[in-house]
Amino acid sequence: MTGLLVGAVFGAVFVVVNARGPLDPVTANVLRAAACLAAAAVLAMWFRTARRERPAPAAPAARRGMFGAGYLAVVVAEAVLLFGGLRVLAALGRPEEGNVGWVAFVVGVHFVALAPIWKDWSIAVPGVALTLLGAGGLVLAATPAVAWVPIVSGVLSGVVLLAGSLTFGWRGLAQPTT
């Protein structure tokens, strides 16, 4: 559930920061409020699940497996690609809106790369969606529709993360306790 909480927080941040541009202020504020409510719902599921089940702490070997060398390689590559890519986009004189597309693209690829490392293919689904939304934003950044990049790559990416967190959080609540 902690991963779902992280996904929900970042999903809400994607929406709150990027609900702007061609959206009217009322729609932008409704989207922001809905994103915060969705993140709060995931937080409530997290607390409810934590109270319901108090699993024994994972063995050190299990923790190392999840956050071992493969995970560290993906996170380092993600950081290099994020910050390096943003510098390259700036050096090429690309519109600043394209940064949102790049961030969504890299975050999506990081989920896809983690799926086989963690042997959890459920994270590949939002990963592919974010990768596609990010790529779409990068394409839009080179067109007269550049103002839509924050909506396509930012708001929709946030919706994907929030929807995934809510879906898997709800499934976690619905599972019987052991």
C-alpha atoms as a PDB file:
ATOM      1  CA  MET A   1       0.000   0.000   0.000  1.00  0.00           C
ATOM      2  CA  THR A   2       2.900   2.403   0.518  1.00  0.00           C
ATOM      3  CA  GLY A   3       3.613   2.377  -3.215  1.00  0.00           C
ATOM      4  CA  LEU A   4      -0.010   3.274  -3.870  1.00  0.00           C
ATOM      5  CA  LEU A   5       0.258   6.173  -1.447  1.00  0.00           C
ATOM      6  CA  VAL A   6       3.363   7.438  -3.247  1.00  0.00           C
ATOM      7  CA  GLY A   7       1.571   7.076  -6.591  1.00  0.00           C
ATOM      8  CA  ALA A   8      -1.443   8.974  -5.292  1.00  0.00           C
ATOM      9  CA  VAL A   9       0.650  11.833  -3.933  1.00  0.00           C
ATOM     10  CA  PHE A  10       2.594  12.197  -7.179  1.00  0.00           C
ATOM     11  CA  GLY A  11      -0.638  11.848  -9.153  1.00  0.00           C
ATOM     12  CA  ALA A  12      -2.196  14.679  -7.175  1.00  0.00           C
ATOM     13  CA  VAL A  13       0.935  16.790  -7.672  1.00  0.00           C
ATOM     14  CA  PHE A  14       0.802  16.173 -11.449  1.00  0.00           C
ATOM     15  CA  VAL A  15      -2.809  17.412 -11.513  1.00  0.00           C
ATOM     16  CA  VAL A  16      -2.448  20.340  -9.089  1.00  0.00           C
ATOM     17  CA  VAL A  17       0.640  21.746 -10.834  1.00  0.00           C
ATOM     18  CA  ASN A  18      -0.569  21.221 -14.401  1.00  0.00           C
ATOM     19  CA  ALA A  19      -4.300  22.038 -14.269  1.00  0.00           C
ATOM     20  CA  ARG A  20      -3.869  25.338 -16.115  1.00  0.00           C
ATOM     21  CA  GLY A  21      -3.318  26.581 -19.634  1.00  0.00           C
ATOM     22  CA  PRO A  22      -6.348  26.269 -21.852  1.00  0.00           C
ATOM     23  CA  LEU A  23      -8.590  25.194 -18.964  1.00  0.00           C
ATOM     24  CA  ASP A  24     -10.897  27.771 -17.459  1.00  0.00           C
ATOM     25  CA  PRO A  25     -10.151  28.522 -13.785  1.00  0.00           C
ATOM     26  CA  VAL A  26     -13.253  26.738 -12.483  1.00  0.00           C
ATOM     27  CA  THR A  27     -12.435  23.508 -14.331  1.00  0.00           C
ATOM     28  CA  ALA A  28      -8.800  23.724 -13.205  1.00  0.00           C
ATOM     29  CA  ASN A  29      -9.847  24.150  -9.569  1.00  0.00           C
ATOM     30  CA  VAL A  30     -12.368  21.291  -9.782  1.00  0.00           C
ATOM     31  CA  LEU A  31      -9.635  19.014 -11.164  1.00  0.00           C
ATOM     32  CA  ARG A  32      -7.250  20.078  -8.400  1.00  0.00           C
ATOM     33  CA  ALA A  33      -9.861  19.456  -5.702  1.00  0.00           C
ATOM     34  CA  ALA A  34     -10.796  16.063  -7.163  1.00  0.00           C
ATOM     35  CA  ALA A  35      -7.129  15.038  -7.295  1.00  0.00           C
ATOM     36  CA  CYS A  36      -6.614  16.004  -3.652  1.00  0.00           C
ATOM     37  CA  LEU A  37      -9.758  14.109  -2.625  1.00  0.00           C
ATOM     38  CA  ALA A  38      -8.596  11.025  -4.541  1.00  0.00           C
ATOM     39  CA  ALA A  39      -5.191  11.190  -2.844  1.00  0.00           C
ATOM     40  CA  ALA A  40      -6.925  11.577   0.530  1.00  0.00           C
ATOM     41  CA  ALA A  41      -9.051   8.502  -0.250  1.00  0.00           C
ATOM     42  CA  VAL A  42      -5.906   6.470  -0.949  1.00  0.00           C
ATOM     43  CA  LEU A  43      -4.427   7.759   2.312  1.00  0.00           C
ATOM     44  CA  ALA A  44      -7.569   6.603   4.152  1.00  0.00           C
ATOM     45  CA  MET A  45      -7.282   3.175   2.501  1.00  0.00           C
ATOM     46  CA  TRP A  46      -3.633   3.051   3.527  1.00  0.00           C
ATOM     47  CA  PHE A  47      -4.486   3.761   7.176  1.00  0.00           C
ATOM     48  CA  ARG A  48      -7.385   1.315   7.149  1.00  0.00           C
ATOM     49  CA  THR A  49      -5.245  -1.451   5.667  1.00  0.00           C
ATOM     50  CA  ALA A  50      -2.396  -0.717   8.086  1.00  0.00           C
ATOM     51  CA  ARG A  51      -4.783  -1.017  11.048  1.00  0.00           C
ATOM     52  CA  ARG A  52      -6.412  -4.151   9.702  1.00  0.00           C
ATOM     53  CA  GLU A  53      -3.208  -6.010   8.933  1.00  0.00           C
ATOM     54  CA  ARG A  54      -0.010  -5.662  10.861  1.00  0.00           C
ATOM     55  CA  PRO A  55       2.324  -7.874   8.863  1.00  0.00           C
ATOM     56  CA  ALA A  56       5.660  -8.862  10.260  1.00  0.00           C
ATOM     57  CA  PRO A  57       8.462  -6.696   8.917  1.00  0.00           C
ATOM     58  CA  ALA A  58       9.948  -8.030   5.701  1.00  0.00           C
ATOM     59  CA  ALA A  59      13.137  -9.969   6.078  1.00  0.00           C
ATOM     60  CA  PRO A  60      16.270  -7.981   5.215  1.00  0.00           C
ATOM     61  CA  ALA A  61      16.850 -10.197   2.170  1.00  0.00           C
ATOM     62  CA  ALA A  62      13.349  -9.396   0.841  1.00  0.00           C
ATOM     63  CA  ARG A  63      13.910  -5.657   1.289  1.00  0.00           C
ATOM     64  CA  ARG A  64      17.272  -5.881  -0.472  1.00  0.00           C
ATOM     65  CA  GLY A  65      15.628  -7.729  -3.341  1.00  0.00           C
ATOM     66  CA  MET A  66      13.094  -4.994  -3.878  1.00  0.00           C
ATOM     67  CA  PHE A  67      15.489  -2.092  -3.356  1.00  0.00           C
ATOM     68  CA  GLY A  68      18.654  -3.769  -4.574  1.00  0.00           C
ATOM     69  CA  ALA A  69      21.029  -3.004  -7.416  1.00  0.00           C
ATOM     70  CA  GLY A  70      18.353  -3.175 -10.133  1.00  0.00           C
ATOM     71  CA  TYR A  71      16.160  -0.662  -8.341  1.00  0.00           C
ATOM     72  CA  LEU A  72      19.107   1.646  -7.695  1.00  0.00           C
ATOM     73  CA  ALA A  73      20.172   1.467 -11.349  1.00  0.00           C
ATOM     74  CA  VAL A  74      16.680   2.435 -12.502  1.00  0.00           C
ATOM     75  CA  VAL A  75      16.455   5.330 -10.030  1.00  0.00           C
ATOM     76  CA  VAL A  76      19.896   6.670 -10.971  1.00  0.00           C
ATOM     77  CA  ALA A  77      19.056   6.390 -14.678  1.00  0.00           C
ATOM     78  CA  GLU A  78      15.747   8.137 -14.022  1.00  0.00           C
ATOM     79  CA  ALA A  79      17.463  11.049 -12.262  1.00  0.00           C
ATOM     80  CA  VAL A  80      20.080  11.407 -15.002  1.00  0.00           C
ATOM     81  CA  LEU A  81      17.443  11.254 -17.738  1.00  0.00           C
ATOM     82  CA  LEU A  82      15.119  13.675 -15.959  1.00  0.00           C
ATOM     83  CA  PHE A  83      17.608  16.404 -15.257  1.00  0.00           C
ATOM     84  CA  GLY A  84      19.809  15.792 -18.279  1.00  0.00           C
ATOM     85  CA  GLY A  85      16.825  15.692 -20.604  1.00  0.00           C
ATOM     86  CA  LEU A  86      15.412  18.931 -19.211  1.00  0.00           C
ATOM     87  CA  ARG A  87      18.778  20.608 -19.845  1.00  0.00           C
ATOM     88  CA  VAL A  88      18.862  19.263 -23.396  1.00  0.00           C
ATOM     89  CA  LEU A  89      15.324  20.511 -24.068  1.00  0.00           C
ATOM     90  CA  ALA A  90      16.294  23.953 -22.754  1.00  0.00           C
ATOM     91  CA  ALA A  91      19.498  24.004 -24.844  1.00  0.00           C
ATOM     92  CA  LEU A  92      17.460  23.140 -27.933  1.00  0.00           C
ATOM     93  CA  GLY A  93      15.161  26.073 -27.202  1.00  0.00           C
ATOM     94  CA  ARG A  94      12.089  23.869 -26.839  1.00  0.00           C
ATOM     95  CA  PRO A  95       9.001  25.366 -25.181  1.00  0.00           C
ATOM     96  CA  GLU A  96       8.984  24.998 -21.419  1.00  0.00           C
ATOM     97  CA  GLU A  97       5.669  23.104 -21.610  1.00  0.00           C
ATOM     98  CA  GLY A  98       7.582  20.220 -23.188  1.00  0.00           C
ATOM     99  CA  ASN A  99       9.247  19.638 -19.812  1.00  0.00           C
ATOM    100  CA  VAL A 100       5.997  18.168 -18.513  1.00  0.00           C
ATOM    101  CA  GLY A 101       6.001  15.703 -21.401  1.00  0.00           C
ATOM    102  CA  TRP A 102       9.588  14.726 -20.683  1.00  0.00           C
ATOM    103  CA  VAL A 103       8.928  14.190 -16.973  1.00  0.00           C
ATOM    104  CA  ALA A 104       5.870  12.011 -17.686  1.00  0.00           C
ATOM    105  CA  PHE A 105       7.825  10.040 -20.297  1.00  0.00           C
ATOM    106  CA  VAL A 106      10.761   9.312 -17.971  1.00  0.00           C
ATOM    107  CA  VAL A 107       8.543   8.467 -14.992  1.00  0.00           C
ATOM    108  CA  GLY A 108       6.556   6.081 -17.200  1.00  0.00           C
ATOM    109  CA  VAL A 109       9.689   4.364 -18.490  1.00  0.00           C
ATOM    110  CA  HIS A 110      10.927   4.000 -14.898  1.00  0.00           C
ATOM    111  CA  PHE A 111       7.736   2.084 -13.977  1.00  0.00           C
ATOM    112  CA  VAL A 112       8.119  -0.181 -17.001  1.00  0.00           C
ATOM    113  CA  ALA A 113      11.774  -0.823 -16.109  1.00  0.00           C
ATOM    114  CA  LEU A 114      10.884  -1.645 -12.489  1.00  0.00           C
ATOM    115  CA  ALA A 115       8.165  -4.158 -13.409  1.00  0.00           C
ATOM    116  CA  PRO A 116      10.530  -7.056 -14.214  1.00  0.00           C
ATOM    117  CA  ILE A 117      12.900  -6.139 -11.386  1.00  0.00           C
ATOM    118  CA  TRP A 118      10.086  -6.237  -8.851  1.00  0.00           C
ATOM    119  CA  LYS A 119       8.259  -9.038 -10.692  1.00  0.00           C
ATOM    120  CA  ASP A 120       5.117  -6.889 -10.474  1.00  0.00           C
ATOM    121  CA  TRP A 121       3.641  -6.347 -13.902  1.00  0.00           C
ATOM    122  CA  SER A 122       0.766  -4.257 -12.528  1.00  0.00           C
ATOM    123  CA  ILE A 123       3.084  -1.229 -12.414  1.00  0.00           C
ATOM    124  CA  ALA A 124       3.843  -1.626 -16.118  1.00  0.00           C
ATOM    125  CA  VAL A 125       0.269  -0.592 -16.977  1.00  0.00           C
ATOM    126  CA  PRO A 126       0.490   2.964 -15.592  1.00  0.00           C
ATOM    127  CA  GLY A 127       4.099   3.000 -16.816  1.00  0.00           C
ATOM    128  CA  VAL A 128       3.059   2.442 -20.414  1.00  0.00           C
ATOM    129  CA  ALA A 129       0.231   4.984 -20.067  1.00  0.00           C
ATOM    130  CA  LEU A 130       2.568   7.657 -18.652  1.00  0.00           C
ATOM    131  CA  THR A 131       5.187   6.913 -21.309  1.00  0.00           C
ATOM    132  CA  LEU A 132       2.591   7.395 -24.057  1.00  0.00           C
ATOM    133  CA  LEU A 133       1.156  10.549 -22.469  1.00  0.00           C
ATOM    134  CA  GLY A 134       4.670  11.935 -22.095  1.00  0.00           C
ATOM    135  CA  ALA A 135       5.536  11.146 -25.711  1.00  0.00           C
ATOM    136  CA  GLY A 136       2.274  12.753 -26.795  1.00  0.00           C
ATOM    137  CA  GLY A 137       3.182  15.882 -24.866  1.00  0.00           C
ATOM    138  CA  LEU A 138       6.614  16.017 -26.465  1.00  0.00           C
ATOM    139  CA  VAL A 139       4.976  15.830 -29.890  1.00  0.00           C
ATOM    140  CA  LEU A 140       2.416  18.489 -28.957  1.00  0.00           C
ATOM    141  CA  ALA A 141       5.230  20.757 -27.736  1.00  0.00           C
ATOM    142  CA  ALA A 142       6.412  21.039 -31.345  1.00  0.00           C
ATOM    143  CA  THR A 143       2.992  22.136 -32.619  1.00  0.00           C
ATOM    144  CA  PRO A 144       0.700  25.138 -32.207  1.00  0.00           C
ATOM    145  CA  ALA A 145      -1.203  23.027 -29.622  1.00  0.00           C
ATOM    146  CA  VAL A 146       1.701  23.384 -27.148  1.00  0.00           C
ATOM    147  CA  ALA A 147      -0.633  24.893 -24.515  1.00  0.00           C
ATOM    148  CA  TRP A 148      -2.279  21.455 -24.165  1.00  0.00           C
ATOM    149  CA  VAL A 149       0.927  19.697 -23.077  1.00  0.00           C
ATOM    150  CA  PRO A 150       0.306  20.276 -19.326  1.00  0.00           C
ATOM    151  CA  ILE A 151      -3.161  18.772 -19.714  1.00  0.00           C
ATOM    152  CA  VAL A 152      -2.121  15.744 -21.793  1.00  0.00           C
ATOM    153  CA  SER A 153       1.173  14.945 -20.076  1.00  0.00           C
ATOM    154  CA  GLY A 154       0.493  16.414 -16.644  1.00  0.00           C
ATOM    155  CA  VAL A 155      -3.172  16.209 -15.718  1.00  0.00           C
ATOM    156  CA  LEU A 156      -3.867  12.960 -17.556  1.00  0.00           C
ATOM    157  CA  SER A 157      -0.700  11.368 -16.129  1.00  0.00           C
ATOM    158  CA  GLY A 158      -1.885  12.394 -12.667  1.00  0.00           C
ATOM    159  CA  VAL A 159      -5.291  10.880 -13.359  1.00  0.00           C
ATOM    160  CA  VAL A 160      -3.612   7.615 -14.412  1.00  0.00           C
ATOM    161  CA  LEU A 161      -1.574   7.487 -11.193  1.00  0.00           C
ATOM    162  CA  LEU A 162      -4.577   8.354  -9.030  1.00  0.00           C
ATOM    163  CA  ALA A 163      -6.860   5.870 -10.807  1.00  0.00           C
ATOM    164  CA  GLY A 164      -4.278   3.118 -10.431  1.00  0.00           C
ATOM    165  CA  SER A 165      -3.737   3.917  -6.760  1.00  0.00           C
ATOM    166  CA  LEU A 166      -7.469   3.985  -6.063  1.00  0.00           C
ATOM    167  CA  THR A 167      -8.087   0.760  -8.000  1.00  0.00           C
ATOM    168  CA  PHE A 168      -5.328  -1.244  -6.349  1.00  0.00           C
ATOM    169  CA  GLY A 169      -6.060   0.319  -2.958  1.00  0.00           C
ATOM    170  CA  TRP A 170      -9.703  -0.712  -3.223  1.00  0.00           C
ATOM    171  CA  ARG A 171      -8.660  -4.223  -4.243  1.00  0.00           C
ATOM    172  CA  GLY A 172      -6.362  -4.368  -1.220  1.00  0.00           C
ATOM    173  CA  LEU A 173      -9.236  -3.423   1.079  1.00  0.00           C
ATOM    174  CA  ALA A 174     -11.506  -6.001  -0.517  1.00  0.00           C
ATOM    175  CA  GLN A 175      -9.073  -8.869   0.111  1.00  0.00           C
ATOM    176  CA  PRO A 176      -9.880 -10.932   3.152  1.00  0.00           C
ATOM    177  CA  THR A 177      -7.487 -10.630   6.075  1.00  0.00           C
ATOM    178  CA  THR A 178      -5.331 -13.595   6.903  1.00  0.00           C
END
